[in-house]
Amino acid sequence: MSLDLPLIWAFILAIGVMMYVLLDGFDLGVGILTFFARSEDERSQMTSTIEPVWDGNETWLIIGGGGLFAAFPLAYAIIMPAFYLPVLLMLAALIFRGVAFEFRHKAVRSLTKKFWNGAFAGGSLAAAFSQGIMLGGMVQGIRVEDGAFAGGSFDWLTPFTLLTGLSVVIGYVLLGACWLVLKTEGEIYARARRWGVGALAGVAAAFLLVSLATLSIDPAIGQRWGFSMTHVDLPTLLPLSPIPLFGMALCAWLARDLLMDPGANAAPDWRPFLLAAGIFISGYFGIGISLYPFIVPYEVTISEAAAHDNALGFMLVGAVIMLPIILAYTIYVYRLFWGKVRPGEGYHA
C-alpha cells in the first residue's frame, strides 16, 4: 500500500505550525505583558524567563513556511500574495523585536532604554496581531481563479480578521501569563496569575464570538459541525462535540487553578501552562476539522496543491532525520534551563 504523501506532509506542516504557536506564542505573550511591568527589574525578570529559548522557538516558523513552499508550491503561490502586507508586518515586527531584545540590555540613557523596551513589547504585539489577521483571512477564504490569487491587496482586512487578530493576541497573553506562573516567583508570579484570569476570560469570550462569526463566513463550516443558525444535526455534531467540550473543560480547570490561593494545596505551577496549551490544541483541532481537506480555503485541496510524489518522498527522508533532532534539541534546552527566575537572579534548578 502506497503512502499518502500529501496527507503526511500536511500533518508535518500542521505539527510545525502548532509547535510554533505554542512555543513562540508564550514568548510573544510575555513580550506583550512587559507593557505592564512596574519597574526595569520586573521587566528583566520577565524577559529572563524567555531569553534562553525565544530565538529557538522561531525555528518552527521556518519549518512551517519552508515546508509549505516545498511541499505545497501551489498553495504557497496563492497564500503569499493574499497576505503580503500581514506577512511583511509580522516579519518586520519579529526582526525589530529581536533587535530590541538585545539592545535594551545595552541602552544606558533612560530615554533609549524606554524606546527599546517599547519596541520589544510593541513588536511582540504587532507580530501576534498579524498572525491572527492571517488566521482570520484563511478562515474567511481566499479568492482564486485559474490556480492563482485573484483578490485585492486588502481582502484580508475585514471585521472578522480584526476579531481573530485580537483573539490571537489575548490567547498569547494567556500563554505568556501561564509561562510566568511556571517560571517566576515573587510579585510577578502573583500578578501573572491575575493576568491569566483576565486573559482566560477574554479567550472564552473570543472563542464564542469567533465561533458565531465563522458561521456567517461559509455555510459549509457549519455543515461540517452539524449546525447552523436555524438547525442542529445531532448525528454529525455529537461525534465532534468532544473537541469543544474538552476545550471548555480545560478553561474551567485553568480558571480553578489560577484562582486558587498559592499554598500547600495549590495546583502545581506547571499545570496552568499545560492547560493553556491544551486549550490552544483543542482550538487548533477545531480549525483543522472546519477547513479539511482544503489547504487554501475553500478553493484548493491538500492533494491538488501538493508537489509530485517523488519530491515529497525525497523531502520526507530529510524530515524524518531532522525533525527528531530539532525536537531533541528543543527538549534539551528547556530541560537545561528548567527552574524559576527569582527577582534579580538568573535560573536555578
C-alpha atoms as a PDB file:
ATOM      1  CA  MET A   1       0.000   0.000   0.000  1.00  0.00           C
ATOM      2  CA  SER A   2       1.460   3.339  -1.053  1.00  0.00           C
ATOM      3  CA  LEU A   3       1.797   6.206   1.372  1.00  0.00           C
ATOM      4  CA  ASP A   4      -0.466   9.247   1.068  1.00  0.00           C
ATOM      5  CA  LEU A   5       2.452  11.662   0.898  1.00  0.00           C
ATOM      6  CA  PRO A   6       0.394  14.885   0.577  1.00  0.00           C
ATOM      7  CA  LEU A   7      -1.548  13.977   3.725  1.00  0.00           C
ATOM      8  CA  ILE A   8       1.671  13.090   5.567  1.00  0.00           C
ATOM      9  CA  TRP A   9       3.198  16.442   4.647  1.00  0.00           C
ATOM     10  CA  ALA A  10       0.014  18.254   5.641  1.00  0.00           C
ATOM     11  CA  PHE A  11       0.331  16.570   9.025  1.00  0.00           C
ATOM     12  CA  ILE A  12       4.004  17.591   9.309  1.00  0.00           C
ATOM     13  CA  LEU A  13       3.155  21.203   8.489  1.00  0.00           C
ATOM     14  CA  ALA A  14       0.266  21.152  10.960  1.00  0.00           C
ATOM     15  CA  ILE A  15       2.626  19.931  13.696  1.00  0.00           C
ATOM     16  CA  GLY A  16       5.195  22.592  12.784  1.00  0.00           C
ATOM     17  CA  VAL A  17       2.646  25.409  12.918  1.00  0.00           C
ATOM     18  CA  MET A  18       1.204  24.119  16.194  1.00  0.00           C
ATOM     19  CA  MET A  19       4.660  23.939  17.776  1.00  0.00           C
ATOM     20  CA  TYR A  20       5.339  27.500  16.657  1.00  0.00           C
ATOM     21  CA  VAL A  21       2.037  28.765  18.050  1.00  0.00           C
ATOM     22  CA  LEU A  22       2.636  27.144  21.437  1.00  0.00           C
ATOM     23  CA  LEU A  23       6.337  27.952  21.819  1.00  0.00           C
ATOM     24  CA  ASP A  24       6.654  31.353  20.192  1.00  0.00           C
ATOM     25  CA  GLY A  25       3.152  32.171  21.382  1.00  0.00           C
ATOM     26  CA  PHE A  26       4.126  32.205  25.032  1.00  0.00           C
ATOM     27  CA  ASP A  27       7.235  34.331  24.488  1.00  0.00           C
ATOM     28  CA  LEU A  28       5.249  36.797  22.373  1.00  0.00           C
ATOM     29  CA  GLY A  29       2.745  36.828  25.219  1.00  0.00           C
ATOM     30  CA  VAL A  30       5.491  37.567  27.730  1.00  0.00           C
ATOM     31  CA  GLY A  31       6.704  40.364  25.454  1.00  0.00           C
ATOM     32  CA  ILE A  32       3.223  41.908  25.380  1.00  0.00           C
ATOM     33  CA  LEU A  33       2.951  41.629  29.168  1.00  0.00           C
ATOM     34  CA  THR A  34       6.154  43.641  29.619  1.00  0.00           C
ATOM     35  CA  PHE A  35       3.937  46.642  28.855  1.00  0.00           C
ATOM     36  CA  PHE A  36       2.610  46.160  32.402  1.00  0.00           C
ATOM     37  CA  ALA A  37       5.941  45.777  34.210  1.00  0.00           C
ATOM     38  CA  ARG A  38       6.222  48.281  37.052  1.00  0.00           C
ATOM     39  CA  SER A  39       9.997  48.572  37.010  1.00  0.00           C
ATOM     40  CA  GLU A  40      13.047  47.667  34.978  1.00  0.00           C
ATOM     41  CA  ASP A  41      13.827  44.855  37.427  1.00  0.00           C
ATOM     42  CA  GLU A  42      10.382  43.324  36.847  1.00  0.00           C
ATOM     43  CA  ARG A  43      10.771  43.623  33.098  1.00  0.00           C
ATOM     44  CA  SER A  44      14.200  41.981  33.249  1.00  0.00           C
ATOM     45  CA  GLN A  45      12.812  39.152  35.379  1.00  0.00           C
ATOM     46  CA  MET A  46      10.073  38.572  32.809  1.00  0.00           C
ATOM     47  CA  THR A  47      12.388  38.612  29.797  1.00  0.00           C
ATOM     48  CA  SER A  48      14.887  36.352  31.574  1.00  0.00           C
ATOM     49  CA  THR A  49      12.290  33.576  31.520  1.00  0.00           C
ATOM     50  CA  ILE A  50      12.332  33.514  27.699  1.00  0.00           C
ATOM     51  CA  GLU A  51      15.907  34.614  26.975  1.00  0.00           C
ATOM     52  CA  PRO A  52      17.389  31.092  26.545  1.00  0.00           C
ATOM     53  CA  VAL A  53      14.612  29.807  24.263  1.00  0.00           C
ATOM     54  CA  TRP A  54      12.865  32.589  22.356  1.00  0.00           C
ATOM     55  CA  ASP A  55      15.010  32.530  19.200  1.00  0.00           C
ATOM     56  CA  GLY A  56      14.915  28.721  19.015  1.00  0.00           C
ATOM     57  CA  ASN A  57      11.120  28.833  19.204  1.00  0.00           C
ATOM     58  CA  GLU A  58      11.003  30.643  15.868  1.00  0.00           C
ATOM     59  CA  THR A  59      12.654  27.651  14.179  1.00  0.00           C
ATOM     60  CA  TRP A  60       9.186  26.158  13.866  1.00  0.00           C
ATOM     61  CA  LEU A  61       8.005  29.141  11.831  1.00  0.00           C
ATOM     62  CA  ILE A  62      10.748  28.408   9.303  1.00  0.00           C
ATOM     63  CA  ILE A  63       9.658  24.769   9.172  1.00  0.00           C
ATOM     64  CA  GLY A  64       6.075  25.813   8.515  1.00  0.00           C
ATOM     65  CA  GLY A  65       6.866  28.414   5.849  1.00  0.00           C
ATOM     66  CA  GLY A  66       9.621  26.426   4.171  1.00  0.00           C
ATOM     67  CA  GLY A  67       7.586  23.236   4.252  1.00  0.00           C
ATOM     68  CA  LEU A  68       4.616  24.974   2.640  1.00  0.00           C
ATOM     69  CA  PHE A  69       6.848  26.307  -0.143  1.00  0.00           C
ATOM     70  CA  ALA A  70       8.479  22.936  -0.814  1.00  0.00           C
ATOM     71  CA  ALA A  71       5.599  20.505  -0.289  1.00  0.00           C
ATOM     72  CA  PHE A  72       2.641  22.607  -1.477  1.00  0.00           C
ATOM     73  CA  PRO A  73       4.022  25.131  -4.009  1.00  0.00           C
ATOM     74  CA  LEU A  74       0.597  25.931  -5.461  1.00  0.00           C
ATOM     75  CA  ALA A  75      -0.770  26.812  -2.020  1.00  0.00           C
ATOM     76  CA  TYR A  76       2.305  28.925  -1.290  1.00  0.00           C
ATOM     77  CA  ALA A  77       1.884  30.778  -4.594  1.00  0.00           C
ATOM     78  CA  ILE A  78      -1.730  31.616  -3.700  1.00  0.00           C
ATOM     79  CA  ILE A  79      -1.420  32.321   0.028  1.00  0.00           C
ATOM     80  CA  MET A  80       1.621  34.603  -0.064  1.00  0.00           C
ATOM     81  CA  PRO A  81       0.185  37.211  -2.470  1.00  0.00           C
ATOM     82  CA  ALA A  82      -3.049  37.184  -0.465  1.00  0.00           C
ATOM     83  CA  PHE A  83      -1.185  38.106   2.732  1.00  0.00           C
ATOM     84  CA  TYR A  84       1.839  40.099   1.586  1.00  0.00           C
ATOM     85  CA  LEU A  85       1.186  43.011   3.933  1.00  0.00           C
ATOM     86  CA  PRO A  86       0.418  40.985   7.096  1.00  0.00           C
ATOM     87  CA  VAL A  87       3.415  38.744   6.415  1.00  0.00           C
ATOM     88  CA  LEU A  88       5.711  41.747   5.971  1.00  0.00           C
ATOM     89  CA  LEU A  89       4.307  43.282   9.165  1.00  0.00           C
ATOM     90  CA  MET A  90       4.898  40.053  11.059  1.00  0.00           C
ATOM     91  CA  LEU A  91       8.457  39.634   9.803  1.00  0.00           C
ATOM     92  CA  ALA A  92       9.330  43.277  10.454  1.00  0.00           C
ATOM     93  CA  ALA A  93       7.873  43.011  13.953  1.00  0.00           C
ATOM     94  CA  LEU A  94       9.808  39.817  14.707  1.00  0.00           C
ATOM     95  CA  ILE A  95      13.058  41.340  13.424  1.00  0.00           C
ATOM     96  CA  PHE A  96      12.554  44.609  15.292  1.00  0.00           C
ATOM     97  CA  ARG A  97      11.584  42.657  18.405  1.00  0.00           C
ATOM     98  CA  GLY A  98      14.765  40.588  18.193  1.00  0.00           C
ATOM     99  CA  VAL A  99      16.934  43.679  17.828  1.00  0.00           C
ATOM    100  CA  ALA A 100      15.138  45.363  20.728  1.00  0.00           C
ATOM    101  CA  PHE A 101      15.607  42.286  22.912  1.00  0.00           C
ATOM    102  CA  GLU A 102      19.371  42.684  22.659  1.00  0.00           C
ATOM    103  CA  PHE A 103      19.621  46.475  22.556  1.00  0.00           C
ATOM    104  CA  ARG A 104      17.519  47.052  25.668  1.00  0.00           C
ATOM    105  CA  HIS A 105      20.343  45.485  27.681  1.00  0.00           C
ATOM    106  CA  LYS A 106      22.896  47.824  26.081  1.00  0.00           C
ATOM    107  CA  ALA A 107      20.973  51.067  26.480  1.00  0.00           C
ATOM    108  CA  VAL A 108      22.434  53.458  29.044  1.00  0.00           C
ATOM    109  CA  ARG A 109      20.221  56.517  28.853  1.00  0.00           C
ATOM    110  CA  SER A 110      16.715  56.259  30.277  1.00  0.00           C
ATOM    111  CA  LEU A 111      15.009  57.502  27.109  1.00  0.00           C
ATOM    112  CA  THR A 112      16.854  54.998  24.919  1.00  0.00           C
ATOM    113  CA  LYS A 113      16.029  52.130  27.267  1.00  0.00           C
ATOM    114  CA  LYS A 114      12.351  53.122  27.214  1.00  0.00           C
ATOM    115  CA  PHE A 115      12.428  53.147  23.412  1.00  0.00           C
ATOM    116  CA  TRP A 116      13.857  49.641  23.144  1.00  0.00           C
ATOM    117  CA  ASN A 117      11.559  48.322  25.861  1.00  0.00           C
ATOM    118  CA  GLY A 118       8.612  49.738  23.937  1.00  0.00           C
ATOM    119  CA  ALA A 119       9.949  48.292  20.696  1.00  0.00           C
ATOM    120  CA  PHE A 120      10.187  44.833  22.245  1.00  0.00           C
ATOM    121  CA  ALA A 121       6.656  44.924  23.635  1.00  0.00           C
ATOM    122  CA  GLY A 122       5.251  46.616  20.512  1.00  0.00           C
ATOM    123  CA  GLY A 123       6.977  44.150  18.197  1.00  0.00           C
ATOM    124  CA  SER A 124       5.511  41.270  20.178  1.00  0.00           C
ATOM    125  CA  LEU A 125       2.033  42.785  19.914  1.00  0.00           C
ATOM    126  CA  ALA A 126       2.321  43.517  16.188  1.00  0.00           C
ATOM    127  CA  ALA A 127       3.604  40.005  15.398  1.00  0.00           C
ATOM    128  CA  ALA A 128       0.789  38.366  17.368  1.00  0.00           C
ATOM    129  CA  PHE A 129      -1.886  40.587  15.813  1.00  0.00           C
ATOM    130  CA  SER A 130      -0.646  39.999  12.257  1.00  0.00           C
ATOM    131  CA  GLN A 131      -0.681  36.233  12.819  1.00  0.00           C
ATOM    132  CA  GLY A 132      -4.273  36.468  13.992  1.00  0.00           C
ATOM    133  CA  ILE A 133      -5.218  38.510  10.932  1.00  0.00           C
ATOM    134  CA  MET A 134      -3.715  35.853   8.661  1.00  0.00           C
ATOM    135  CA  LEU A 135      -5.598  33.125  10.524  1.00  0.00           C
ATOM    136  CA  GLY A 136      -8.851  35.016  10.040  1.00  0.00           C
ATOM    137  CA  GLY A 137      -8.022  35.621   6.394  1.00  0.00           C
ATOM    138  CA  MET A 138      -7.527  31.895   5.874  1.00  0.00           C
ATOM    139  CA  VAL A 139     -10.799  31.005   7.585  1.00  0.00           C
ATOM    140  CA  GLN A 140     -12.829  33.567   5.616  1.00  0.00           C
ATOM    141  CA  GLY A 141     -11.357  32.233   2.369  1.00  0.00           C
ATOM    142  CA  ILE A 142      -9.137  33.395  -0.479  1.00  0.00           C
ATOM    143  CA  ARG A 143     -10.351  34.300  -3.971  1.00  0.00           C
ATOM    144  CA  VAL A 144      -8.744  32.006  -6.554  1.00  0.00           C
ATOM    145  CA  GLU A 145      -9.111  31.936 -10.334  1.00  0.00           C
ATOM    146  CA  ASP A 146      -7.244  29.556 -12.640  1.00  0.00           C
ATOM    147  CA  GLY A 147      -4.962  28.437  -9.823  1.00  0.00           C
ATOM    148  CA  ALA A 148      -3.826  31.952  -8.842  1.00  0.00           C
ATOM    149  CA  PHE A 149      -4.781  34.550  -6.272  1.00  0.00           C
ATOM    150  CA  ALA A 150      -7.486  36.774  -7.743  1.00  0.00           C
ATOM    151  CA  GLY A 151      -8.286  39.088  -4.857  1.00  0.00           C
ATOM    152  CA  GLY A 152      -7.138  42.520  -3.789  1.00  0.00           C
ATOM    153  CA  SER A 153      -4.284  43.650  -1.582  1.00  0.00           C
ATOM    154  CA  PHE A 154      -6.604  44.326   1.352  1.00  0.00           C
ATOM    155  CA  ASP A 155      -9.026  41.387   1.133  1.00  0.00           C
ATOM    156  CA  TRP A 156      -7.588  40.219   4.444  1.00  0.00           C
ATOM    157  CA  LEU A 157      -8.728  43.399   6.224  1.00  0.00           C
ATOM    158  CA  THR A 158     -12.270  42.732   7.461  1.00  0.00           C
ATOM    159  CA  PRO A 159     -14.076  42.959  10.821  1.00  0.00           C
ATOM    160  CA  PHE A 160     -13.715  39.181  11.109  1.00  0.00           C
ATOM    161  CA  THR A 161      -9.921  39.250  10.705  1.00  0.00           C
ATOM    162  CA  LEU A 162      -9.631  42.114  13.190  1.00  0.00           C
ATOM    163  CA  LEU A 163     -11.579  39.957  15.643  1.00  0.00           C
ATOM    164  CA  THR A 164      -9.303  36.968  15.075  1.00  0.00           C
ATOM    165  CA  GLY A 165      -6.242  39.215  15.354  1.00  0.00           C
ATOM    166  CA  LEU A 166      -7.405  40.442  18.755  1.00  0.00           C
ATOM    167  CA  SER A 167      -8.285  36.888  19.763  1.00  0.00           C
ATOM    168  CA  VAL A 168      -4.795  35.604  19.000  1.00  0.00           C
ATOM    169  CA  VAL A 169      -3.256  38.470  20.999  1.00  0.00           C
ATOM    170  CA  ILE A 170      -5.421  37.579  24.006  1.00  0.00           C
ATOM    171  CA  GLY A 171      -4.570  33.894  23.587  1.00  0.00           C
ATOM    172  CA  TYR A 172      -0.841  34.609  23.501  1.00  0.00           C
ATOM    173  CA  VAL A 173      -1.197  36.762  26.611  1.00  0.00           C
ATOM    174  CA  LEU A 174      -2.805  33.765  28.319  1.00  0.00           C
ATOM    175  CA  LEU A 175       0.114  31.539  27.306  1.00  0.00           C
ATOM    176  CA  GLY A 176       2.597  34.196  28.446  1.00  0.00           C
ATOM    177  CA  ALA A 177       0.900  34.673  31.813  1.00  0.00           C
ATOM    178  CA  CYS A 178       0.849  30.912  32.446  1.00  0.00           C
ATOM    179  CA  TRP A 179       4.517  30.719  31.445  1.00  0.00           C
ATOM    180  CA  LEU A 180       5.332  33.396  34.026  1.00  0.00           C
ATOM    181  CA  VAL A 181       3.418  31.398  36.642  1.00  0.00           C
ATOM    182  CA  LEU A 182       5.668  28.473  35.794  1.00  0.00           C
ATOM    183  CA  LYS A 183       8.946  30.405  35.690  1.00  0.00           C
ATOM    184  CA  THR A 184       8.779  33.232  38.242  1.00  0.00           C
ATOM    185  CA  GLU A 185       8.477  33.943  41.936  1.00  0.00           C
ATOM    186  CA  GLY A 186       7.508  36.975  43.976  1.00  0.00           C
ATOM    187  CA  GLU A 187       5.292  39.832  42.852  1.00  0.00           C
ATOM    188  CA  ILE A 188       5.426  38.947  39.153  1.00  0.00           C
ATOM    189  CA  TYR A 189       4.229  35.427  39.987  1.00  0.00           C
ATOM    190  CA  ALA A 190       1.180  36.789  41.837  1.00  0.00           C
ATOM    191  CA  ARG A 191       0.376  39.303  39.108  1.00  0.00           C
ATOM    192  CA  ALA A 192       0.837  36.682  36.381  1.00  0.00           C
ATOM    193  CA  ARG A 193      -1.941  34.639  37.968  1.00  0.00           C
ATOM    194  CA  ARG A 194      -4.244  37.672  37.810  1.00  0.00           C
ATOM    195  CA  TRP A 195      -3.209  38.387  34.222  1.00  0.00           C
ATOM    196  CA  GLY A 196      -4.000  34.779  33.392  1.00  0.00           C
ATOM    197  CA  VAL A 197      -7.505  35.018  34.836  1.00  0.00           C
ATOM    198  CA  GLY A 198      -8.237  38.153  32.805  1.00  0.00           C
ATOM    199  CA  ALA A 199      -6.797  36.670  29.621  1.00  0.00           C
ATOM    200  CA  LEU A 200      -8.744  33.424  30.128  1.00  0.00           C
ATOM    201  CA  ALA A 201     -11.999  35.389  30.335  1.00  0.00           C
ATOM    202  CA  GLY A 202     -11.002  37.149  27.113  1.00  0.00           C
ATOM    203  CA  VAL A 203     -10.192  33.836  25.422  1.00  0.00           C
ATOM    204  CA  ALA A 204     -13.586  32.398  26.369  1.00  0.00           C
ATOM    205  CA  ALA A 205     -15.386  35.474  25.005  1.00  0.00           C
ATOM    206  CA  ALA A 206     -13.263  35.483  21.837  1.00  0.00           C
ATOM    207  CA  PHE A 207     -13.922  31.777  21.275  1.00  0.00           C
ATOM    208  CA  LEU A 208     -17.669  32.369  21.423  1.00  0.00           C
ATOM    209  CA  LEU A 209     -17.597  35.433  19.170  1.00  0.00           C
ATOM    210  CA  VAL A 210     -15.286  33.870  16.566  1.00  0.00           C
ATOM    211  CA  SER A 211     -17.356  30.663  16.505  1.00  0.00           C
ATOM    212  CA  LEU A 212     -20.572  32.609  15.870  1.00  0.00           C
ATOM    213  CA  ALA A 213     -18.909  34.835  13.272  1.00  0.00           C
ATOM    214  CA  THR A 214     -17.455  31.822  11.462  1.00  0.00           C
ATOM    215  CA  LEU A 215     -20.965  30.509  10.781  1.00  0.00           C
ATOM    216  CA  SER A 216     -21.581  33.544   8.576  1.00  0.00           C
ATOM    217  CA  ILE A 217     -18.350  33.036   6.612  1.00  0.00           C
ATOM    218  CA  ASP A 218     -19.217  29.828   4.784  1.00  0.00           C
ATOM    219  CA  PRO A 219     -22.233  27.562   5.361  1.00  0.00           C
ATOM    220  CA  ALA A 220     -20.009  24.547   4.714  1.00  0.00           C
ATOM    221  CA  ILE A 221     -18.221  25.116   8.033  1.00  0.00           C
ATOM    222  CA  GLY A 222     -21.460  24.882   9.979  1.00  0.00           C
ATOM    223  CA  GLN A 223     -22.492  21.844   7.972  1.00  0.00           C
ATOM    224  CA  ARG A 224     -19.165  20.190   8.806  1.00  0.00           C
ATOM    225  CA  TRP A 225     -20.009  20.564  12.519  1.00  0.00           C
ATOM    226  CA  GLY A 226     -23.693  19.753  12.080  1.00  0.00           C
ATOM    227  CA  PHE A 227     -25.317  23.031  12.991  1.00  0.00           C
ATOM    228  CA  SER A 228     -26.319  26.422  11.663  1.00  0.00           C
ATOM    229  CA  MET A 229     -28.299  29.387  12.910  1.00  0.00           C
ATOM    230  CA  THR A 230     -31.567  27.508  12.261  1.00  0.00           C
ATOM    231  CA  HIS A 231     -30.999  23.801  12.959  1.00  0.00           C
ATOM    232  CA  VAL A 232     -28.759  21.219  14.641  1.00  0.00           C
ATOM    233  CA  ASP A 233     -27.820  17.865  13.085  1.00  0.00           C
ATOM    234  CA  LEU A 234     -27.072  15.730  16.139  1.00  0.00           C
ATOM    235  CA  PRO A 235     -25.660  12.692  14.254  1.00  0.00           C
ATOM    236  CA  THR A 236     -22.993  14.988  12.786  1.00  0.00           C
ATOM    237  CA  LEU A 237     -22.421  17.162  15.864  1.00  0.00           C
ATOM    238  CA  LEU A 238     -22.170  14.512  18.578  1.00  0.00           C
ATOM    239  CA  PRO A 239     -19.048  12.705  17.254  1.00  0.00           C
ATOM    240  CA  LEU A 240     -17.232  16.061  17.024  1.00  0.00           C
ATOM    241  CA  SER A 241     -18.546  17.565  20.268  1.00  0.00           C
ATOM    242  CA  PRO A 242     -15.740  16.152  22.479  1.00  0.00           C
ATOM    243  CA  ILE A 243     -13.315  18.656  20.922  1.00  0.00           C
ATOM    244  CA  PRO A 244     -15.071  21.889  22.029  1.00  0.00           C
ATOM    245  CA  LEU A 245     -16.231  20.238  25.257  1.00  0.00           C
ATOM    246  CA  PHE A 246     -12.634  19.297  26.014  1.00  0.00           C
ATOM    247  CA  GLY A 247     -11.556  22.887  25.422  1.00  0.00           C
ATOM    248  CA  MET A 248     -14.300  24.225  27.707  1.00  0.00           C
ATOM    249  CA  ALA A 249     -13.374  21.734  30.428  1.00  0.00           C
ATOM    250  CA  LEU A 250      -9.747  22.866  30.234  1.00  0.00           C
ATOM    251  CA  CYS A 251     -10.867  26.501  30.534  1.00  0.00           C
ATOM    252  CA  ALA A 252     -12.804  25.687  33.705  1.00  0.00           C
ATOM    253  CA  TRP A 253      -9.875  23.720  35.125  1.00  0.00           C
ATOM    254  CA  LEU A 254      -7.422  26.505  34.331  1.00  0.00           C
ATOM    255  CA  ALA A 255      -9.687  29.105  35.946  1.00  0.00           C
ATOM    256  CA  ARG A 256      -9.839  26.980  39.076  1.00  0.00           C
ATOM    257  CA  ASP A 257      -6.041  26.631  39.215  1.00  0.00           C
ATOM    258  CA  LEU A 258      -5.366  30.334  38.659  1.00  0.00           C
ATOM    259  CA  LEU A 259      -7.940  31.450  41.233  1.00  0.00           C
ATOM    260  CA  MET A 260      -6.614  29.150  43.964  1.00  0.00           C
ATOM    261  CA  ASP A 261      -4.560  30.825  46.672  1.00  0.00           C
ATOM    262  CA  PRO A 262      -0.902  29.749  46.376  1.00  0.00           C
ATOM    263  CA  GLY A 263      -0.040  27.372  49.176  1.00  0.00           C
ATOM    264  CA  ALA A 264       0.414  23.764  50.122  1.00  0.00           C
ATOM    265  CA  ASN A 265      -2.826  22.655  48.452  1.00  0.00           C
ATOM    266  CA  ALA A 266      -2.496  24.859  45.366  1.00  0.00           C
ATOM    267  CA  ALA A 267      -2.116  23.486  41.861  1.00  0.00           C
ATOM    268  CA  PRO A 268       1.472  22.847  40.730  1.00  0.00           C
ATOM    269  CA  ASP A 269       2.925  25.802  38.836  1.00  0.00           C
ATOM    270  CA  TRP A 270       3.470  23.769  35.669  1.00  0.00           C
ATOM    271  CA  ARG A 271      -0.190  22.863  35.268  1.00  0.00           C
ATOM    272  CA  PRO A 272      -1.623  26.257  34.173  1.00  0.00           C
ATOM    273  CA  PHE A 273       0.738  26.380  31.200  1.00  0.00           C
ATOM    274  CA  LEU A 274      -0.093  22.797  30.253  1.00  0.00           C
ATOM    275  CA  LEU A 275      -3.816  23.549  30.447  1.00  0.00           C
ATOM    276  CA  ALA A 276      -3.422  26.732  28.366  1.00  0.00           C
ATOM    277  CA  ALA A 277      -1.538  24.736  25.737  1.00  0.00           C
ATOM    278  CA  GLY A 278      -4.346  22.170  25.760  1.00  0.00           C
ATOM    279  CA  ILE A 279      -6.901  24.922  25.108  1.00  0.00           C
ATOM    280  CA  PHE A 280      -4.897  26.049  22.069  1.00  0.00           C
ATOM    281  CA  ILE A 281      -4.597  22.479  20.816  1.00  0.00           C
ATOM    282  CA  SER A 282      -8.351  21.894  21.091  1.00  0.00           C
ATOM    283  CA  GLY A 283      -8.975  25.087  19.115  1.00  0.00           C
ATOM    284  CA  TYR A 284      -6.378  24.025  16.552  1.00  0.00           C
ATOM    285  CA  PHE A 285      -8.155  20.702  16.053  1.00  0.00           C
ATOM    286  CA  GLY A 286     -11.400  22.604  15.614  1.00  0.00           C
ATOM    287  CA  ILE A 287      -9.906  24.772  12.869  1.00  0.00           C
ATOM    288  CA  GLY A 288      -8.471  21.691  11.177  1.00  0.00           C
ATOM    289  CA  ILE A 289     -11.859  19.972  11.130  1.00  0.00           C
ATOM    290  CA  SER A 290     -13.513  23.115   9.790  1.00  0.00           C
ATOM    291  CA  LEU A 291     -11.085  23.528   6.885  1.00  0.00           C
ATOM    292  CA  TYR A 292     -10.134  19.949   5.906  1.00  0.00           C
ATOM    293  CA  PRO A 293      -9.428  18.896   3.159  1.00  0.00           C
ATOM    294  CA  PHE A 294      -8.646  22.413   1.912  1.00  0.00           C
ATOM    295  CA  ILE A 295      -5.198  23.924   2.266  1.00  0.00           C
ATOM    296  CA  VAL A 296      -6.405  27.104   0.529  1.00  0.00           C
ATOM    297  CA  PRO A 297      -9.928  27.536   1.894  1.00  0.00           C
ATOM    298  CA  TYR A 298     -12.253  26.884   0.102  1.00  0.00           C
ATOM    299  CA  GLU A 299     -10.625  26.535  -3.269  1.00  0.00           C
ATOM    300  CA  VAL A 300      -7.647  24.151  -3.308  1.00  0.00           C
ATOM    301  CA  THR A 301      -7.391  20.824  -1.506  1.00  0.00           C
ATOM    302  CA  ILE A 302      -4.286  19.246   0.005  1.00  0.00           C
ATOM    303  CA  SER A 303      -3.882  16.783  -2.853  1.00  0.00           C
ATOM    304  CA  GLU A 304      -4.393  19.458  -5.531  1.00  0.00           C
ATOM    305  CA  ALA A 305      -1.731  21.745  -4.079  1.00  0.00           C
ATOM    306  CA  ALA A 306       0.899  19.079  -3.356  1.00  0.00           C
ATOM    307  CA  ALA A 307       4.178  18.679  -5.209  1.00  0.00           C
ATOM    308  CA  HIS A 308       4.910  15.473  -7.101  1.00  0.00           C
ATOM    309  CA  ASP A 309       5.212  12.330  -5.019  1.00  0.00           C
ATOM    310  CA  ASN A 310       8.894  11.813  -5.887  1.00  0.00           C
ATOM    311  CA  ALA A 311       9.703  15.276  -4.488  1.00  0.00           C
ATOM    312  CA  LEU A 312       7.558  14.707  -1.392  1.00  0.00           C
ATOM    313  CA  GLY A 313       9.186  11.331  -0.801  1.00  0.00           C
ATOM    314  CA  PHE A 314      12.688  12.765  -1.130  1.00  0.00           C
ATOM    315  CA  MET A 315      11.907  15.573   1.306  1.00  0.00           C
ATOM    316  CA  LEU A 316      10.257  13.163   3.707  1.00  0.00           C
ATOM    317  CA  VAL A 317      13.584  11.394   4.178  1.00  0.00           C
ATOM    318  CA  GLY A 318      15.136  14.659   5.325  1.00  0.00           C
ATOM    319  CA  ALA A 319      12.176  15.435   7.564  1.00  0.00           C
ATOM    320  CA  VAL A 320      12.370  12.027   9.234  1.00  0.00           C
ATOM    321  CA  ILE A 321      16.028  12.712  10.043  1.00  0.00           C
ATOM    322  CA  MET A 322      15.837  16.378  11.038  1.00  0.00           C
ATOM    323  CA  LEU A 323      12.565  16.656  12.958  1.00  0.00           C
ATOM    324  CA  PRO A 324      13.638  14.265  15.746  1.00  0.00           C
ATOM    325  CA  ILE A 325      16.920  16.197  16.042  1.00  0.00           C
ATOM    326  CA  ILE A 326      15.050  19.506  16.348  1.00  0.00           C
ATOM    327  CA  LEU A 327      12.658  18.015  18.894  1.00  0.00           C
ATOM    328  CA  ALA A 328      15.504  16.522  20.919  1.00  0.00           C
ATOM    329  CA  TYR A 329      17.387  19.826  20.931  1.00  0.00           C
ATOM    330  CA  THR A 330      14.252  21.705  21.970  1.00  0.00           C
ATOM    331  CA  ILE A 331      13.612  19.310  24.847  1.00  0.00           C
ATOM    332  CA  TYR A 332      17.263  19.507  25.910  1.00  0.00           C
ATOM    333  CA  VAL A 333      17.272  23.325  26.002  1.00  0.00           C
ATOM    334  CA  TYR A 334      14.063  23.514  28.002  1.00  0.00           C
ATOM    335  CA  ARG A 335      15.359  20.882  30.404  1.00  0.00           C
ATOM    336  CA  LEU A 336      18.703  22.665  30.753  1.00  0.00           C
ATOM    337  CA  PHE A 337      17.049  25.953  31.699  1.00  0.00           C
ATOM    338  CA  TRP A 338      14.313  24.430  33.806  1.00  0.00           C
ATOM    339  CA  GLY A 339      13.583  26.243  37.057  1.00  0.00           C
ATOM    340  CA  LYS A 340      12.313  29.591  38.215  1.00  0.00           C
ATOM    341  CA  VAL A 341      13.764  33.059  37.792  1.00  0.00           C
ATOM    342  CA  ARG A 342      13.820  34.930  41.083  1.00  0.00           C
ATOM    343  CA  PRO A 343      13.788  38.744  41.260  1.00  0.00           C
ATOM    344  CA  GLY A 344      17.289  39.980  40.446  1.00  0.00           C
ATOM    345  CA  GLU A 345      18.602  36.460  39.784  1.00  0.00           C
ATOM    346  CA  GLY A 346      19.070  34.031  36.949  1.00  0.00           C
ATOM    347  CA  TYR A 347      17.958  30.450  36.707  1.00  0.00           C
ATOM    348  CA  HIS A 348      18.164  27.921  39.491  1.00  0.00           C
ATOM    349  CA  ALA A 349      17.374  24.249  39.276  1.00  0.00           C
END
